[in-house]
Amino acid sequence: MAQRWLILGAGGHGRSVADAIASNGDQVVGFLDDGQPIGTLVNGIPVLGALSLAWELDRVFAGSDQAPPPGQVVVAIGNPTLRQTWQ
């Protein structure tokens, strides 16, 4: 069964991770990113909000057409220091 993923970071690294996930037959349901407005499509996948929403996934997905929250979250922030912090 395909897994549902949320990616933290919608930059180049996040796009590469999204491509890898999709090539495995899984689904990326969205990105969280501080530098992109909500609703921006990145590789056809929406930015759902800021990184800080990672702690409130139930609220992010409540009442959305993509509920429930994804079962998998990956940190794909290009800046290694920031990526380490989020991991």
N, C-alpha and C. Protein backbone atom coordinates (compact mmCIF):
# COMPACT_ATOMS: atom_id res chain seq x y z
N MET A 1 0.84 -1.19 0.00
CA MET A 1 0.00 0.00 0.00
C MET A 1 0.88 1.25 0.00
N ALA A 2 0.52 2.22 -0.82
CA ALA A 2 1.30 3.45 -0.93
C ALA A 2 1.22 4.24 0.37
N GLN A 3 2.35 4.81 0.74
CA GLN A 3 2.41 5.65 1.93
C GLN A 3 2.19 7.11 1.55
N ARG A 4 1.69 7.89 2.50
CA ARG A 4 1.46 9.31 2.32
C ARG A 4 2.53 10.08 3.09
N TRP A 5 3.15 11.05 2.42
CA TRP A 5 4.28 11.78 2.97
C TRP A 5 4.01 13.27 3.04
N LEU A 6 4.62 13.92 4.03
CA LEU A 6 4.71 15.37 4.13
C LEU A 6 6.19 15.70 4.13
N ILE A 7 6.57 16.72 3.36
CA ILE A 7 7.98 17.10 3.25
C ILE A 7 8.19 18.46 3.89
N LEU A 8 9.16 18.54 4.78
CA LEU A 8 9.56 19.81 5.39
C LEU A 8 10.66 20.40 4.51
N GLY A 9 10.31 21.47 3.82
CA GLY A 9 11.24 22.12 2.90
C GLY A 9 10.79 21.94 1.46
N ALA A 10 10.54 23.06 0.78
CA ALA A 10 10.03 23.00 -0.60
C ALA A 10 11.03 23.56 -1.61
N GLY A 11 12.30 23.62 -1.20
CA GLY A 11 13.34 24.09 -2.12
C GLY A 11 13.82 22.96 -3.02
N GLY A 12 15.01 23.13 -3.54
CA GLY A 12 15.56 22.13 -4.46
C GLY A 12 15.69 20.75 -3.83
N HIS A 13 16.15 20.69 -2.60
CA HIS A 13 16.29 19.40 -1.92
C HIS A 13 14.92 18.76 -1.71
N GLY A 14 13.94 19.55 -1.29
CA GLY A 14 12.58 19.05 -1.09
C GLY A 14 11.98 18.52 -2.38
N ARG A 15 12.21 19.23 -3.49
CA ARG A 15 11.70 18.77 -4.78
C ARG A 15 12.33 17.44 -5.18
N SER A 16 13.62 17.31 -4.94
CA SER A 16 14.30 16.04 -5.25
C SER A 16 13.75 14.89 -4.41
N VAL A 17 13.52 15.16 -3.14
CA VAL A 17 12.95 14.14 -2.25
C VAL A 17 11.54 13.76 -2.71
N ALA A 18 10.75 14.77 -3.11
CA ALA A 18 9.40 14.50 -3.61
C ALA A 18 9.44 13.60 -4.84
N ASP A 19 10.37 13.87 -5.75
CA ASP A 19 10.50 13.03 -6.95
C ASP A 19 10.86 11.60 -6.57
N ALA A 20 11.77 11.44 -5.62
CA ALA A 20 12.18 10.09 -5.19
C ALA A 20 11.01 9.34 -4.56
N ILE A 21 10.24 10.03 -3.74
CA ILE A 21 9.08 9.41 -3.09
C ILE A 21 8.06 8.98 -4.14
N ALA A 22 7.76 9.87 -5.08
CA ALA A 22 6.79 9.56 -6.13
C ALA A 22 7.27 8.40 -7.01
N SER A 23 8.57 8.34 -7.28
CA SER A 23 9.08 7.26 -8.13
C SER A 23 8.98 5.91 -7.43
N ASN A 24 8.81 5.94 -6.12
CA ASN A 24 8.64 4.71 -5.35
C ASN A 24 7.17 4.29 -5.26
N GLY A 25 6.29 5.10 -5.87
CA GLY A 25 4.87 4.79 -5.86
C GLY A 25 4.10 5.34 -4.67
N ASP A 26 4.78 6.14 -3.84
CA ASP A 26 4.12 6.76 -2.70
C ASP A 26 3.59 8.13 -3.09
N GLN A 27 2.83 8.76 -2.19
CA GLN A 27 2.19 10.04 -2.46
C GLN A 27 2.72 11.11 -1.52
N VAL A 28 3.13 12.23 -2.08
CA VAL A 28 3.47 13.41 -1.29
C VAL A 28 2.22 14.28 -1.22
N VAL A 29 1.72 14.52 -0.01
CA VAL A 29 0.48 15.27 0.14
C VAL A 29 0.72 16.77 0.29
N GLY A 30 1.95 17.16 0.61
CA GLY A 30 2.23 18.58 0.73
C GLY A 30 3.61 18.87 1.29
N PHE A 31 3.94 20.16 1.26
CA PHE A 31 5.19 20.67 1.81
C PHE A 31 4.86 21.64 2.93
N LEU A 32 5.76 21.76 3.89
CA LEU A 32 5.77 22.88 4.83
C LEU A 32 7.05 23.64 4.56
N ASP A 33 6.95 24.97 4.43
CA ASP A 33 8.11 25.77 4.09
C ASP A 33 7.88 27.21 4.52
N ASP A 34 8.88 27.82 5.14
CA ASP A 34 8.76 29.20 5.60
C ASP A 34 8.90 30.22 4.47
N GLY A 35 9.46 29.81 3.35
CA GLY A 35 9.74 30.76 2.27
C GLY A 35 8.75 30.75 1.13
N GLN A 36 7.71 29.95 1.22
CA GLN A 36 6.72 29.86 0.13
C GLN A 36 5.33 30.17 0.68
N PRO A 37 4.54 30.94 -0.04
CA PRO A 37 3.17 31.21 0.42
C PRO A 37 2.30 29.94 0.40
N ILE A 38 1.36 29.88 1.31
CA ILE A 38 0.42 28.77 1.35
C ILE A 38 -0.29 28.69 0.00
N GLY A 39 -0.42 27.49 -0.50
CA GLY A 39 -1.10 27.26 -1.77
C GLY A 39 -0.18 27.23 -2.97
N THR A 40 1.05 27.68 -2.81
CA THR A 40 2.01 27.59 -3.91
C THR A 40 2.18 26.13 -4.29
N LEU A 41 2.19 25.85 -5.59
CA LEU A 41 2.42 24.47 -6.05
C LEU A 41 3.89 24.29 -6.37
N VAL A 42 4.46 23.26 -5.82
CA VAL A 42 5.85 22.90 -6.07
C VAL A 42 5.82 21.49 -6.66
N ASN A 43 6.20 21.38 -7.92
CA ASN A 43 6.08 20.11 -8.64
C ASN A 43 4.64 19.59 -8.58
N GLY A 44 3.67 20.51 -8.58
CA GLY A 44 2.26 20.13 -8.54
C GLY A 44 1.74 19.76 -7.17
N ILE A 45 2.56 19.95 -6.14
CA ILE A 45 2.21 19.59 -4.76
C ILE A 45 2.09 20.88 -3.95
N PRO A 46 1.03 21.04 -3.16
CA PRO A 46 0.82 22.32 -2.47
C PRO A 46 1.72 22.53 -1.25
N VAL A 47 2.08 23.79 -1.05
CA VAL A 47 2.68 24.21 0.22
C VAL A 47 1.51 24.45 1.16
N LEU A 48 1.53 23.76 2.30
CA LEU A 48 0.42 23.79 3.23
C LEU A 48 0.59 24.82 4.35
N GLY A 49 1.79 25.36 4.50
CA GLY A 49 2.03 26.34 5.54
C GLY A 49 3.49 26.38 5.94
N ALA A 50 3.73 27.03 7.06
CA ALA A 50 5.09 27.22 7.58
C ALA A 50 5.59 25.95 8.28
N LEU A 51 6.90 25.87 8.44
CA LEU A 51 7.52 24.72 9.10
C LEU A 51 6.97 24.49 10.50
N SER A 52 6.65 25.55 11.21
CA SER A 52 6.18 25.41 12.58
C SER A 52 4.89 24.58 12.68
N LEU A 53 4.17 24.44 11.59
CA LEU A 53 2.94 23.64 11.59
C LEU A 53 3.23 22.14 11.69
N ALA A 54 4.48 21.77 11.58
CA ALA A 54 4.83 20.35 11.70
C ALA A 54 4.41 19.78 13.04
N TRP A 55 4.30 20.65 14.04
CA TRP A 55 3.91 20.21 15.39
C TRP A 55 2.40 20.15 15.54
N GLU A 56 1.66 20.55 14.50
CA GLU A 56 0.20 20.62 14.58
C GLU A 56 -0.46 19.95 13.37
N LEU A 57 0.03 18.80 12.98
CA LEU A 57 -0.46 18.17 11.75
C LEU A 57 -1.94 17.83 11.81
N ASP A 58 -2.44 17.46 12.97
CA ASP A 58 -3.87 17.18 13.07
C ASP A 58 -4.69 18.41 12.69
N ARG A 59 -4.23 19.58 13.13
CA ARG A 59 -4.94 20.83 12.82
C ARG A 59 -4.80 21.18 11.34
N VAL A 60 -3.62 20.96 10.77
CA VAL A 60 -3.38 21.27 9.36
C VAL A 60 -4.31 20.46 8.47
N PHE A 61 -4.49 19.20 8.80
CA PHE A 61 -5.26 18.31 7.93
C PHE A 61 -6.73 18.18 8.33
N ALA A 62 -7.12 18.72 9.47
CA ALA A 62 -8.52 18.63 9.92
C ALA A 62 -9.44 19.31 8.91
N GLY A 63 -10.42 18.58 8.46
CA GLY A 63 -11.40 19.13 7.54
C GLY A 63 -10.92 19.31 6.12
N SER A 64 -9.69 18.91 5.83
CA SER A 64 -9.20 19.05 4.46
C SER A 64 -9.56 17.80 3.66
N ASP A 65 -9.46 17.93 2.36
CA ASP A 65 -9.74 16.77 1.51
C ASP A 65 -8.60 15.76 1.56
N GLN A 66 -7.52 16.09 2.28
CA GLN A 66 -6.38 15.19 2.40
C GLN A 66 -6.27 14.56 3.79
N ALA A 67 -7.31 14.72 4.62
CA ALA A 67 -7.28 14.14 5.97
C ALA A 67 -7.28 12.62 5.85
N PRO A 68 -6.71 11.90 6.76
CA PRO A 68 -5.98 12.30 7.97
C PRO A 68 -4.55 12.72 7.63
N PRO A 69 -3.78 13.15 8.63
CA PRO A 69 -2.39 13.52 8.39
C PRO A 69 -1.61 12.36 7.78
N PRO A 70 -0.57 12.69 7.02
CA PRO A 70 0.25 11.63 6.42
C PRO A 70 0.96 10.80 7.49
N GLY A 71 1.26 9.59 7.16
CA GLY A 71 1.94 8.70 8.09
C GLY A 71 3.45 8.90 8.14
N GLN A 72 3.99 9.60 7.14
CA GLN A 72 5.44 9.79 7.04
C GLN A 72 5.76 11.27 6.87
N VAL A 73 6.80 11.72 7.56
CA VAL A 73 7.29 13.09 7.43
C VAL A 73 8.79 13.01 7.23
N VAL A 74 9.30 13.77 6.25
CA VAL A 74 10.73 13.78 6.00
C VAL A 74 11.23 15.23 6.01
N VAL A 75 12.38 15.44 6.63
CA VAL A 75 13.01 16.76 6.64
C VAL A 75 13.91 16.84 5.41
N ALA A 76 13.57 17.77 4.51
CA ALA A 76 14.32 17.92 3.26
C ALA A 76 14.72 19.37 3.07
N ILE A 77 15.28 19.94 4.11
CA ILE A 77 15.75 21.32 4.09
C ILE A 77 17.21 21.30 3.64
N GLY A 78 17.53 22.13 2.65
CA GLY A 78 18.88 22.11 2.08
C GLY A 78 19.97 22.57 3.04
N ASN A 79 19.68 23.52 3.91
CA ASN A 79 20.67 24.03 4.86
C ASN A 79 20.94 22.96 5.90
N PRO A 80 22.17 22.44 5.97
CA PRO A 80 22.45 21.32 6.87
C PRO A 80 22.23 21.63 8.35
N THR A 81 22.54 22.84 8.78
CA THR A 81 22.34 23.20 10.18
C THR A 81 20.86 23.22 10.52
N LEU A 82 20.07 23.84 9.67
CA LEU A 82 18.62 23.90 9.89
C LEU A 82 17.99 22.51 9.78
N ARG A 83 18.47 21.73 8.83
CA ARG A 83 17.96 20.36 8.69
C ARG A 83 18.23 19.56 9.96
N GLN A 84 19.40 19.67 10.51
CA GLN A 84 19.76 18.97 11.75
C GLN A 84 18.84 19.41 12.89
N THR A 85 18.57 20.69 12.97
CA THR A 85 17.68 21.21 14.02
C THR A 85 16.30 20.57 13.91
N TRP A 86 15.76 20.49 12.71
CA TRP A 86 14.42 19.94 12.53
C TRP A 86 14.39 18.42 12.71
N GLN A 87 15.46 17.75 12.42
CA GLN A 87 15.49 16.31 12.63
C GLN A 87 15.53 16.01 14.10
